[in-house]
N, C-alpha and C. Protein backbone atom coordinates (compact mmCIF):
# COMPACT_ATOMS: atom_id res chain seq x y z
N TYR A 1 1.18 -1.06 0.07
CA TYR A 1 0.20 0.26 0.16
C TYR A 1 1.00 1.38 -0.43
N GLY A 2 0.54 2.14 -1.10
CA GLY A 2 1.71 3.39 -1.26
C GLY A 2 1.02 4.27 -1.26
N ALA A 3 1.23 5.06 -2.34
CA ALA A 3 0.80 5.99 -3.12
C ALA A 3 -0.25 6.40 -3.29
N ALA A 4 -1.67 5.84 -3.71
CA ALA A 4 -2.85 5.50 -4.49
C ALA A 4 -3.60 4.56 -3.24
N PRO A 5 -5.07 5.13 -3.67
CA PRO A 5 -5.89 4.36 -2.55
C PRO A 5 -5.83 3.30 -2.94
N MET A 6 -6.40 2.51 -2.08
CA MET A 6 -6.32 0.94 -2.39
C MET A 6 -7.52 0.47 -3.10
N ASN A 7 -7.34 -0.77 -4.22
CA ASN A 7 -8.41 -1.29 -4.88
C ASN A 7 -9.14 -3.06 -3.87
N ARG A 8 -9.59 -3.29 -4.75
CA ARG A 8 -10.63 -4.47 -3.50
C ARG A 8 -9.65 -5.50 -3.50
N GLU A 9 -8.46 -5.91 -4.16
CA GLU A 9 -7.70 -6.81 -3.00
C GLU A 9 -6.64 -6.27 -2.45
N GLN A 10 -6.08 -5.26 -2.63
CA GLN A 10 -5.24 -4.44 -1.34
C GLN A 10 -6.34 -4.68 -0.26
N ALA A 11 -7.48 -3.94 -0.27
CA ALA A 11 -8.20 -3.89 0.43
C ALA A 11 -8.48 -5.08 1.09
N ILE A 12 -8.90 -6.35 0.60
CA ILE A 12 -9.12 -7.40 0.87
C ILE A 12 -7.74 -8.03 2.14
N ALA A 13 -6.82 -7.60 0.88
CA ALA A 13 -5.43 -8.77 1.84
C ALA A 13 -5.09 -7.67 3.50
N LEU A 14 -5.47 -6.05 3.33
CA LEU A 14 -5.61 -5.61 4.32
C LEU A 14 -5.92 -6.21 5.70
N GLN A 15 -7.46 -6.30 5.32
CA GLN A 15 -8.34 -7.14 6.37
C GLN A 15 -8.29 -8.39 6.67
N ILE A 16 -7.58 -9.25 5.96
CA ILE A 16 -7.31 -10.25 6.46
C ILE A 16 -5.74 -10.14 7.12
N ARG A 17 -4.81 -9.41 6.87
CA ARG A 17 -3.78 -9.74 7.39
C ARG A 17 -3.79 -8.48 8.96
N LEU A 18 -4.50 -7.50 9.16
CA LEU A 18 -5.55 -7.06 10.51
C LEU A 18 -5.79 -8.27 11.04
N GLU A 19 -7.07 -8.74 10.41
CA GLU A 19 -7.91 -9.52 12.15
C GLU A 19 -6.70 -10.86 12.02
N GLY A 20 -5.74 -11.49 11.32
CA GLY A 20 -4.83 -12.33 11.75
C GLY A 20 -5.20 -13.71 11.85
N GLY A 21 -4.36 -14.02 12.71
CA GLY A 21 -4.97 -15.64 12.22
C GLY A 21 -6.32 -15.91 13.32
N TYR A 22 -5.92 -17.39 13.77
CA TYR A 22 -7.14 -18.48 14.52
C TYR A 22 -7.27 -18.06 15.74
N SER A 23 -8.36 -17.50 16.26
CA SER A 23 -8.85 -16.87 17.50
C SER A 23 -10.09 -17.82 17.87
N ASP A 24 -10.16 -17.65 19.16
CA ASP A 24 -11.67 -18.10 19.86
C ASP A 24 -11.92 -17.95 21.47
N ASP A 25 -11.36 -16.77 21.45
CA ASP A 25 -11.68 -15.68 22.20
C ASP A 25 -12.87 -15.90 23.39
N PRO A 26 -13.00 -16.72 24.17
CA PRO A 26 -14.29 -16.52 25.22
C PRO A 26 -14.92 -15.45 25.11
N ASN A 27 -14.37 -14.42 25.43
CA ASN A 27 -14.73 -12.68 25.13
C ASN A 27 -15.68 -12.48 24.18
N ASP A 28 -15.42 -13.21 22.93
CA ASP A 28 -15.42 -12.90 21.76
C ASP A 28 -16.71 -12.78 20.98
N PRO A 29 -18.44 -12.66 20.82
CA PRO A 29 -19.14 -12.80 20.86
C PRO A 29 -19.19 -13.24 19.27
N GLY A 30 -18.17 -13.60 18.36
CA GLY A 30 -17.71 -14.15 17.42
C GLY A 30 -17.53 -15.15 16.88
N GLY A 31 -17.44 -15.99 18.46
CA GLY A 31 -16.71 -17.01 18.72
C GLY A 31 -15.22 -17.08 18.13
N ALA A 32 -15.17 -18.56 17.37
CA ALA A 32 -14.30 -18.64 16.48
C ALA A 32 -14.19 -18.19 15.46
N THR A 33 -12.79 -17.77 15.68
CA THR A 33 -12.96 -16.98 13.91
C THR A 33 -11.76 -16.34 13.22
N LYS A 34 -11.10 -17.09 11.99
CA LYS A 34 -9.89 -17.03 11.50
C LYS A 34 -9.85 -15.89 10.06
N TYR A 35 -8.58 -14.94 10.28
CA TYR A 35 -9.20 -14.02 8.97
C TYR A 35 -10.12 -13.06 9.34
N GLY A 36 -10.84 -12.96 10.40
CA GLY A 36 -12.12 -12.14 10.53
C GLY A 36 -13.06 -13.11 10.24
N ILE A 37 -12.91 -14.48 9.73
CA ILE A 37 -14.13 -15.13 9.36
C ILE A 37 -14.77 -15.64 10.30
N THR A 38 -15.95 -15.86 11.08
CA THR A 38 -16.09 -16.70 12.33
C THR A 38 -16.87 -18.06 11.26
N GLN A 39 -17.14 -18.71 12.08
CA GLN A 39 -17.31 -20.19 11.96
C GLN A 39 -18.83 -20.24 11.56
N THR A 40 -19.71 -19.15 12.04
CA THR A 40 -20.63 -19.11 11.63
C THR A 40 -20.48 -18.66 10.02
N THR A 41 -19.83 -17.62 9.70
CA THR A 41 -20.12 -17.37 8.49
C THR A 41 -19.50 -17.78 7.18
N LEU A 42 -18.17 -18.20 7.94
CA LEU A 42 -17.76 -20.15 6.91
C LEU A 42 -19.08 -20.85 7.02
N ASP A 43 -19.95 -21.69 7.84
CA ASP A 43 -21.00 -22.49 7.11
C ASP A 43 -21.87 -21.90 6.85
N ALA A 44 -22.30 -20.88 6.88
CA ALA A 44 -23.01 -19.33 5.86
C ALA A 44 -22.54 -19.50 4.27
N VAL A 45 -21.83 -19.59 4.30
CA VAL A 45 -21.38 -19.76 2.79
C VAL A 45 -21.00 -20.69 2.24
N ARG A 46 -20.86 -21.81 2.91
CA ARG A 46 -20.84 -23.19 2.41
C ARG A 46 -21.99 -24.11 2.26
N GLY A 47 -23.05 -23.27 3.12
CA GLY A 47 -24.07 -23.77 2.68
C GLY A 47 -25.05 -23.00 1.72
N ARG A 48 -24.29 -21.97 1.16
CA ARG A 48 -24.98 -21.44 -0.19
C ARG A 48 -24.02 -21.86 -1.25
N ASP A 49 -23.13 -22.55 -1.38
CA ASP A 49 -22.21 -23.28 -2.24
C ASP A 49 -21.51 -21.86 -3.36
N LEU A 50 -21.00 -20.58 -2.79
CA LEU A 50 -20.38 -19.48 -2.76
C LEU A 50 -19.56 -19.66 -3.09
N VAL A 51 -18.40 -20.33 -2.32
CA VAL A 51 -17.19 -20.44 -2.79
C VAL A 51 -16.69 -22.07 -2.65
N ALA A 52 -16.06 -22.56 -3.85
CA ALA A 52 -15.69 -23.96 -4.14
C ALA A 52 -14.41 -24.50 -2.54
N GLY A 53 -14.90 -25.64 -2.45
CA GLY A 53 -13.37 -26.58 -1.78
C GLY A 53 -13.60 -25.25 -0.62
N LEU A 54 -14.23 -25.34 0.18
CA LEU A 54 -14.16 -24.73 1.35
C LEU A 54 -13.67 -25.12 2.71
N PRO A 55 -12.99 -25.58 3.68
CA PRO A 55 -13.21 -26.73 5.01
C PRO A 55 -14.29 -26.32 5.45
N ALA A 56 -14.43 -27.71 6.38
CA ALA A 56 -15.73 -27.22 7.35
C ALA A 56 -15.75 -26.54 8.35
N LYS A 57 -13.98 -26.29 9.19
CA LYS A 57 -13.62 -25.80 10.57
C LYS A 57 -12.96 -24.17 9.87
N VAL A 58 -13.28 -23.27 10.51
CA VAL A 58 -12.60 -22.14 10.23
C VAL A 58 -11.32 -22.20 10.46
N ARG A 59 -10.68 -23.00 11.73
CA ARG A 59 -9.23 -22.89 11.74
C ARG A 59 -8.43 -23.70 10.48
N ASP A 60 -9.28 -24.41 9.81
CA ASP A 60 -8.29 -24.36 8.32
C ASP A 60 -8.48 -23.90 6.97
N LEU A 61 -9.41 -22.50 7.46
CA LEU A 61 -9.12 -21.49 6.63
C LEU A 61 -7.92 -21.08 5.72
N THR A 62 -7.90 -21.41 5.21
CA THR A 62 -6.48 -20.19 4.49
C THR A 62 -6.64 -18.64 3.42
N PRO A 63 -5.67 -18.02 3.89
CA PRO A 63 -5.62 -16.84 3.13
C PRO A 63 -6.64 -16.30 2.07
N ASP A 64 -6.10 -17.05 0.52
CA ASP A 64 -6.80 -17.42 -0.55
C ASP A 64 -8.29 -17.62 -0.37
N GLN A 65 -8.82 -18.46 0.82
CA GLN A 65 -9.99 -18.90 0.64
C GLN A 65 -10.62 -17.65 1.63
N ALA A 66 -10.28 -17.04 2.56
CA ALA A 66 -10.39 -16.00 3.04
C ALA A 66 -10.75 -14.92 2.21
N ALA A 67 -10.40 -14.93 0.88
CA ALA A 67 -9.91 -13.41 0.59
C ALA A 67 -11.47 -14.18 -0.77
N ALA A 68 -11.75 -15.25 -0.94
CA ALA A 68 -12.57 -15.67 -1.60
C ALA A 68 -14.16 -15.17 -0.90
N ILE A 69 -14.02 -15.21 0.45
CA ILE A 69 -15.38 -15.32 1.08
C ILE A 69 -14.95 -13.87 1.13
N TYR A 70 -14.37 -12.89 1.02
CA TYR A 70 -14.68 -11.24 1.56
C TYR A 70 -15.28 -10.98 -0.21
N ARG A 71 -14.74 -11.02 -1.25
CA ARG A 71 -15.18 -10.84 -2.42
C ARG A 71 -16.40 -11.57 -2.54
N THR A 72 -17.14 -12.27 -2.33
CA THR A 72 -18.55 -13.07 -2.86
C THR A 72 -19.27 -12.10 -1.64
N THR A 73 -18.80 -12.44 -0.39
CA THR A 73 -20.68 -12.12 0.62
C THR A 73 -20.00 -10.16 1.30
N ASP A 74 -18.83 -10.01 1.65
CA ASP A 74 -18.62 -8.93 2.50
C ASP A 74 -18.79 -8.04 1.10
N TRP A 75 -17.61 -7.68 0.00
CA TRP A 75 -17.51 -6.58 -0.79
C TRP A 75 -18.66 -6.44 -1.51
N ALA A 76 -19.17 -7.55 -2.10
CA ALA A 76 -20.27 -7.74 -2.92
C ALA A 76 -21.01 -7.16 -2.05
N GLU A 77 -21.63 -7.61 -0.90
CA GLU A 77 -23.41 -6.72 0.17
C GLU A 77 -22.79 -5.52 0.22
N ILE A 78 -21.83 -4.79 0.23
CA ILE A 78 -21.28 -3.26 0.45
C ILE A 78 -20.97 -2.74 -0.97
N HIS A 79 -21.42 -3.27 -2.24
CA HIS A 79 -20.94 -2.76 -3.49
C HIS A 79 -19.92 -2.18 -3.53
N GLY A 80 -18.55 -2.47 -2.99
CA GLY A 80 -17.37 -1.92 -2.86
C GLY A 80 -16.56 -1.42 -4.57
N ASP A 81 -16.76 -1.49 -4.72
CA ASP A 81 -16.14 -1.75 -6.52
C ASP A 81 -16.89 -0.03 -6.82
N GLU A 82 -18.01 -0.34 -6.48
CA GLU A 82 -19.35 1.28 -6.75
C GLU A 82 -18.82 2.72 -5.78
N LEU A 83 -18.22 2.48 -4.75
CA LEU A 83 -17.60 3.52 -3.63
C LEU A 83 -16.28 3.77 -4.11
N PRO A 84 -16.56 5.23 -3.34
CA PRO A 84 -14.86 5.78 -3.87
C PRO A 84 -13.66 4.95 -3.03
N GLU A 85 -12.39 4.89 -3.88
CA GLU A 85 -11.11 4.20 -3.42
C GLU A 85 -11.28 4.30 -1.66
N THR A 86 -11.02 5.48 -1.25
CA THR A 86 -11.13 5.60 0.40
C THR A 86 -11.73 5.08 1.47
N LEU A 87 -13.51 4.73 0.83
CA LEU A 87 -14.56 4.82 1.70
C LEU A 87 -14.40 3.16 1.63
N ALA A 88 -14.50 2.27 0.47
CA ALA A 88 -14.53 1.19 0.40
C ALA A 88 -13.64 0.13 1.50
N PRO A 89 -12.44 0.56 1.69
CA PRO A 89 -11.86 -0.31 2.61
C PRO A 89 -12.40 -0.26 3.76
N LEU A 90 -12.95 1.09 4.39
CA LEU A 90 -13.16 1.40 5.93
C LEU A 90 -14.80 0.59 5.44
N VAL A 91 -15.76 0.92 4.45
CA VAL A 91 -17.10 -0.09 4.94
C VAL A 91 -16.31 -1.50 5.33
N LEU A 92 -15.84 -2.01 4.28
CA LEU A 92 -15.14 -3.37 4.06
C LEU A 92 -14.74 -3.60 5.83
N ASN A 93 -13.83 -2.89 6.51
CA ASN A 93 -13.36 -3.27 7.60
C ASN A 93 -14.86 -3.77 8.92
N VAL A 94 -15.80 -1.96 8.42
CA VAL A 94 -17.21 -2.60 9.30
C VAL A 94 -18.07 -3.65 9.11
N ALA A 95 -17.78 -4.05 7.71
CA ALA A 95 -18.68 -5.18 7.87
C ALA A 95 -17.97 -5.96 8.00
N VAL A 96 -17.22 -6.69 8.14
CA VAL A 96 -16.21 -8.16 8.54
C VAL A 96 -16.56 -7.61 10.53
N ASN A 97 -16.22 -6.41 10.54
CA ASN A 97 -16.24 -6.29 12.44
C ASN A 97 -17.54 -6.56 13.05
N MET A 98 -19.24 -6.28 11.95
CA MET A 98 -20.05 -5.75 12.54
C MET A 98 -20.96 -6.00 11.79
N GLY A 99 -20.97 -6.70 10.43
CA GLY A 99 -21.91 -7.37 9.63
C GLY A 99 -22.23 -6.53 8.65
N GLU A 100 -22.36 -6.84 7.23
CA GLU A 100 -22.57 -5.65 6.28
C GLU A 100 -23.57 -4.83 6.34
N PRO A 101 -24.83 -5.24 7.19
CA PRO A 101 -26.10 -4.54 7.10
C PRO A 101 -25.38 -3.50 8.00
N GLU A 102 -24.99 -3.63 9.12
CA GLU A 102 -24.56 -2.25 10.55
C GLU A 102 -23.62 -1.43 9.47
N ALA A 103 -23.06 -2.07 8.50
CA ALA A 103 -21.96 -1.13 7.73
C ALA A 103 -22.36 -0.46 6.87
N VAL A 104 -23.39 -1.14 6.20
CA VAL A 104 -23.57 -0.33 5.42
C VAL A 104 -25.12 0.85 5.70
N LYS A 105 -25.89 0.40 7.16
CA LYS A 105 -26.68 1.60 7.83
C LYS A 105 -25.71 2.94 8.11
N LEU A 106 -24.73 2.39 8.82
CA LEU A 106 -23.42 3.69 9.19
C LEU A 106 -23.37 4.38 7.72
N LEU A 107 -23.52 4.27 6.95
CA LEU A 107 -23.00 4.40 5.77
C LEU A 107 -24.46 5.61 5.30
N GLN A 108 -25.54 4.41 5.51
CA GLN A 108 -26.39 5.55 5.05
C GLN A 108 -27.04 6.33 5.80
N GLU A 109 -26.32 6.39 6.96
CA GLU A 109 -26.56 7.41 8.21
C GLU A 109 -25.56 8.59 8.00
N CYS A 110 -24.62 8.56 7.15
CA CYS A 110 -23.70 9.46 6.79
C CYS A 110 -24.38 10.22 5.79
N LEU A 111 -25.30 9.64 4.87
CA LEU A 111 -26.06 10.04 3.66
C LEU A 111 -27.23 10.93 3.96
N GLY A 112 -27.57 10.81 4.96
CA GLY A 112 -28.85 11.75 5.64
C GLY A 112 -29.86 10.70 5.53
N PHE A 113 -30.12 9.54 5.52
CA PHE A 113 -31.12 8.82 5.53
C PHE A 113 -31.21 8.36 6.92
N VAL A 114 -33.31 9.06 6.80
CA VAL A 114 -33.34 9.00 8.66
C VAL A 114 -33.79 7.83 9.19
N ASN A 115 -34.18 6.79 8.12
CA ASN A 115 -34.25 5.29 8.27
C ASN A 115 -33.00 3.92 7.62
N PRO A 116 -31.84 4.04 7.96
CA PRO A 116 -31.26 3.36 7.16
C PRO A 116 -31.68 1.76 7.21
N THR A 117 -31.68 1.34 6.00
CA THR A 117 -32.14 -0.53 6.01
C THR A 117 -31.41 -1.52 5.82
N GLY A 118 -30.25 -1.00 5.41
CA GLY A 118 -28.67 -1.82 5.60
C GLY A 118 -28.79 -2.68 4.33
N PHE A 119 -29.08 -2.14 2.80
CA PHE A 119 -28.97 -2.01 1.43
C PHE A 119 -28.32 -1.39 0.94
N LEU A 120 -28.05 -1.63 0.67
CA LEU A 120 -27.26 -0.47 -0.70
C LEU A 120 -28.03 -0.98 -2.10
N GLY A 121 -28.88 -0.06 -2.35
CA GLY A 121 -29.27 0.21 -3.58
C GLY A 121 -28.81 1.32 -4.55
N PRO A 122 -29.75 1.25 -5.57
CA PRO A 122 -29.36 2.89 -6.22
C PRO A 122 -29.53 4.06 -5.76
N GLU A 123 -30.09 4.21 -5.14
CA GLU A 123 -30.55 5.77 -3.90
C GLU A 123 -29.63 6.02 -3.52
N PRO A 124 -29.24 5.10 -2.32
CA PRO A 124 -27.96 5.71 -1.33
C PRO A 124 -26.70 5.83 -2.35
N LEU A 125 -26.24 4.62 -3.44
CA LEU A 125 -25.21 4.80 -4.30
C LEU A 125 -24.81 6.26 -4.62
N GLY A 126 -25.87 6.86 -5.25
CA GLY A 126 -25.84 7.69 -6.13
C GLY A 126 -25.47 8.82 -5.26
N ARG A 127 -26.13 8.89 -4.04
CA ARG A 127 -25.97 9.82 -2.99
C ARG A 127 -24.36 9.77 -2.50
N VAL A 128 -23.50 8.85 -2.60
CA VAL A 128 -22.30 8.84 -2.58
C VAL A 128 -21.52 9.50 -3.37
N HIS A 129 -21.88 9.48 -4.43
CA HIS A 129 -20.74 10.70 -5.13
C HIS A 129 -21.46 12.14 -5.20
N VAL A 130 -22.35 12.54 -4.74
CA VAL A 130 -22.58 14.07 -4.75
C VAL A 130 -22.44 14.35 -2.73
N TRP A 131 -22.48 13.87 -2.00
CA TRP A 131 -22.45 13.76 -0.68
C TRP A 131 -21.13 15.15 -0.34
N ARG A 132 -21.96 15.84 0.22
CA ARG A 132 -21.18 17.04 1.03
C ARG A 132 -21.28 16.91 1.99
N SER A 133 -20.02 17.41 3.41
CA SER A 133 -20.30 17.97 4.21
C SER A 133 -21.41 18.96 4.87
N PHE A 134 -22.25 19.09 6.00
CA PHE A 134 -22.62 20.33 6.31
C PHE A 134 -21.52 20.92 7.77
N TYR A 135 -20.72 19.98 8.30
CA TYR A 135 -19.99 20.16 9.29
C TYR A 135 -18.94 21.28 8.61
N LEU A 136 -17.80 20.79 7.76
CA LEU A 136 -16.54 21.14 7.22
C LEU A 136 -16.96 20.84 5.73
N PRO A 137 -16.41 22.09 4.65
CA PRO A 137 -16.45 21.93 3.18
C PRO A 137 -15.30 21.08 2.28
N THR A 138 -14.32 20.72 3.33
CA THR A 138 -13.72 19.89 2.72
C THR A 138 -13.54 18.55 3.28
N GLN A 139 -14.08 18.23 4.48
CA GLN A 139 -14.78 16.70 4.78
C GLN A 139 -14.59 15.82 3.55
N THR A 140 -14.49 14.69 3.48
CA THR A 140 -14.56 13.67 3.00
C THR A 140 -15.73 12.17 3.46
N LEU A 141 -16.55 12.21 2.65
CA LEU A 141 -17.27 11.00 3.27
C LEU A 141 -16.75 10.18 3.74
N ALA A 142 -15.11 9.82 3.62
CA ALA A 142 -14.42 8.59 4.26
C ALA A 142 -14.32 9.29 5.81
N GLU A 143 -14.03 10.12 5.49
CA GLU A 143 -13.76 11.23 7.27
C GLU A 143 -14.94 10.90 7.90
N GLU A 144 -16.14 11.30 7.74
CA GLU A 144 -17.34 11.01 8.33
C GLU A 144 -18.07 10.11 8.28
N TYR A 145 -17.20 8.79 7.58
CA TYR A 145 -17.95 6.88 8.10
C TYR A 145 -16.73 7.05 9.18
N ALA A 146 -15.90 7.09 9.18
CA ALA A 146 -14.61 7.07 10.18
C ALA A 146 -15.20 7.71 11.32
N ALA A 147 -15.59 8.48 11.56
CA ALA A 147 -15.54 9.01 12.38
C ALA A 147 -17.69 8.36 12.95
N ARG A 148 -18.64 8.47 12.33
CA ARG A 148 -19.63 7.60 12.79
C ARG A 148 -19.11 6.67 13.47
N VAL A 149 -18.19 5.50 12.99
CA VAL A 149 -17.67 4.51 13.58
C VAL A 149 -17.52 4.09 14.56
N GLY A 150 -16.15 5.52 15.02
CA GLY A 150 -15.78 5.31 16.08
C GLY A 150 -16.70 6.13 17.31
N VAL A 151 -17.48 6.41 16.73
CA VAL A 151 -18.53 6.96 17.97
C VAL A 151 -20.06 5.66 17.90
N ARG A 152 -19.58 5.13 17.17
CA ARG A 152 -20.36 3.26 17.70
C ARG A 152 -19.50 2.42 17.82
N TYR A 153 -18.49 1.92 17.82
CA TYR A 153 -17.77 1.53 18.82
C TYR A 153 -17.62 2.09 19.62
N ALA A 154 -17.22 3.70 20.58
CA ALA A 154 -17.18 4.12 21.56
C ALA A 154 -18.38 3.52 22.12
N SER A 155 -19.74 3.26 21.59
CA SER A 155 -21.12 3.25 22.71
C SER A 155 -21.27 1.87 22.87
N LEU A 156 -20.20 0.90 22.38
CA LEU A 156 -20.62 -0.44 22.34
C LEU A 156 -19.84 -1.18 23.90
N TYR A 157 -19.14 -0.05 24.67
CA TYR A 157 -18.04 -0.07 25.82
C TYR A 157 -18.66 -0.89 26.06
N ALA A 158 -20.04 -0.69 27.16
CA ALA A 158 -20.47 -1.53 28.12
C ALA A 158 -20.77 -3.11 27.60
N HIS A 159 -21.03 -2.92 26.20
CA HIS A 159 -21.32 -4.56 25.99
C HIS A 159 -20.17 -5.24 25.42
N GLU A 160 -19.19 -4.70 25.26
CA GLU A 160 -17.77 -5.27 24.69
C GLU A 160 -16.40 -5.24 25.05
N ALA A 161 -16.73 -4.69 26.23
CA ALA A 161 -15.25 -4.02 26.84
C ALA A 161 -13.91 -4.59 26.88
N GLY A 162 -12.88 -3.97 26.06
CA GLY A 162 -12.27 -5.07 26.13
C GLY A 162 -11.31 -4.89 24.60
N PHE A 163 -12.28 -4.53 23.88
CA PHE A 163 -12.45 -4.97 22.17
C PHE A 163 -11.91 -3.31 21.60
N GLU A 164 -12.73 -2.74 22.12
CA GLU A 164 -12.78 -1.27 20.84
C GLU A 164 -11.93 -0.38 20.94
N LEU A 165 -10.66 -0.65 21.83
CA LEU A 165 -9.77 0.59 21.15
C LEU A 165 -8.76 -0.49 20.23
N GLY A 166 -9.19 -2.02 19.98
CA GLY A 166 -8.56 -2.55 18.97
C GLY A 166 -9.12 -2.63 17.75
N TRP A 167 -10.46 -2.06 17.95
CA TRP A 167 -11.38 -1.61 16.82
C TRP A 167 -10.59 -0.73 16.26
N LEU A 168 -10.82 0.44 17.13
CA LEU A 168 -10.50 1.98 16.42
C LEU A 168 -9.01 1.92 16.06
N ARG A 169 -8.13 1.37 16.71
CA ARG A 169 -6.89 1.34 15.80
C ARG A 169 -6.91 0.94 14.64
N ARG A 170 -7.55 -0.26 14.59
CA ARG A 170 -7.87 -0.98 13.10
C ARG A 170 -8.24 -0.19 12.38
N LEU A 171 -9.13 0.49 12.51
CA LEU A 171 -10.02 1.67 12.07
C LEU A 171 -9.01 2.15 11.28
N PHE A 172 -8.15 3.01 12.37
CA PHE A 172 -7.59 4.02 11.73
C PHE A 172 -6.32 3.94 10.99
N ARG A 173 -6.16 2.55 11.49
CA ARG A 173 -5.18 2.38 10.26
C ARG A 173 -5.97 1.74 8.78
N VAL A 174 -6.77 0.88 8.59
CA VAL A 174 -7.00 1.21 7.46
C VAL A 174 -7.75 2.41 6.72
N TYR A 175 -7.63 3.88 7.59
CA TYR A 175 -8.26 4.89 6.92
C TYR A 175 -7.20 5.77 6.43
N THR A 176 -6.20 5.32 7.35
CA THR A 176 -5.01 6.24 6.93
C THR A 176 -4.34 5.86 5.51
N LEU A 177 -4.43 3.92 5.91
CA LEU A 177 -4.77 3.01 4.32
C LEU A 177 -4.68 3.24 3.18
N SER A 178 -6.15 3.45 3.76
CA SER A 178 -7.09 3.88 2.19
C SER A 178 -6.79 5.24 1.40
N LEU A 179 -5.92 5.61 2.37
CA LEU A 179 -5.31 7.66 1.26
C LEU A 179 -4.67 7.17 0.81
N GLY A 180 -3.39 5.95 0.99
CA GLY A 180 -2.33 5.67 -0.03
C GLY A 180 -1.37 6.62 1.11
N LEU A 181 -1.31 6.71 2.20
CA LEU A 181 -0.48 7.08 3.09
C LEU A 181 0.07 5.80 4.02
N PRO A 182 1.64 5.85 4.27
CA PRO A 182 2.42 4.67 4.85
C PRO A 182 1.89 4.62 6.03
């Protein structure tokens, strides 16, 4: 990741790297996870035959298989190829962390939707490209999205104490790298 915003493959590779290997932390409501993919997600993807040759256990998942899952689930659901290159990695990060519907609802809130649906159809996608900040004339949608995600993480403290700082660190790292900064 260098002097340009990230493309899909770079955003997915970053997500896999930041999520790391296998974990089964008893305090993590996601349960057994590898590369940010839970056993529940793996089971769902296997059940729908979205990606061929997946293992039965998330522990046995390879980075290439994880990338294929991200492409066919998270990236597709957030319409990553239709989002600005600086925004898409952030929305992917939140989709992995909170689920695609929550990631999209946060984006819809940024876009001014009063009752976000969690579905990114033509109207919200159209608003993405004409969005302007009410607060700061030079603010980007990626900045607004990152700020709202940070507020959401902070609000979760009472429920998931201990994970928020890591989530915020990852959010800021993804934001920095999505801009093409080191």
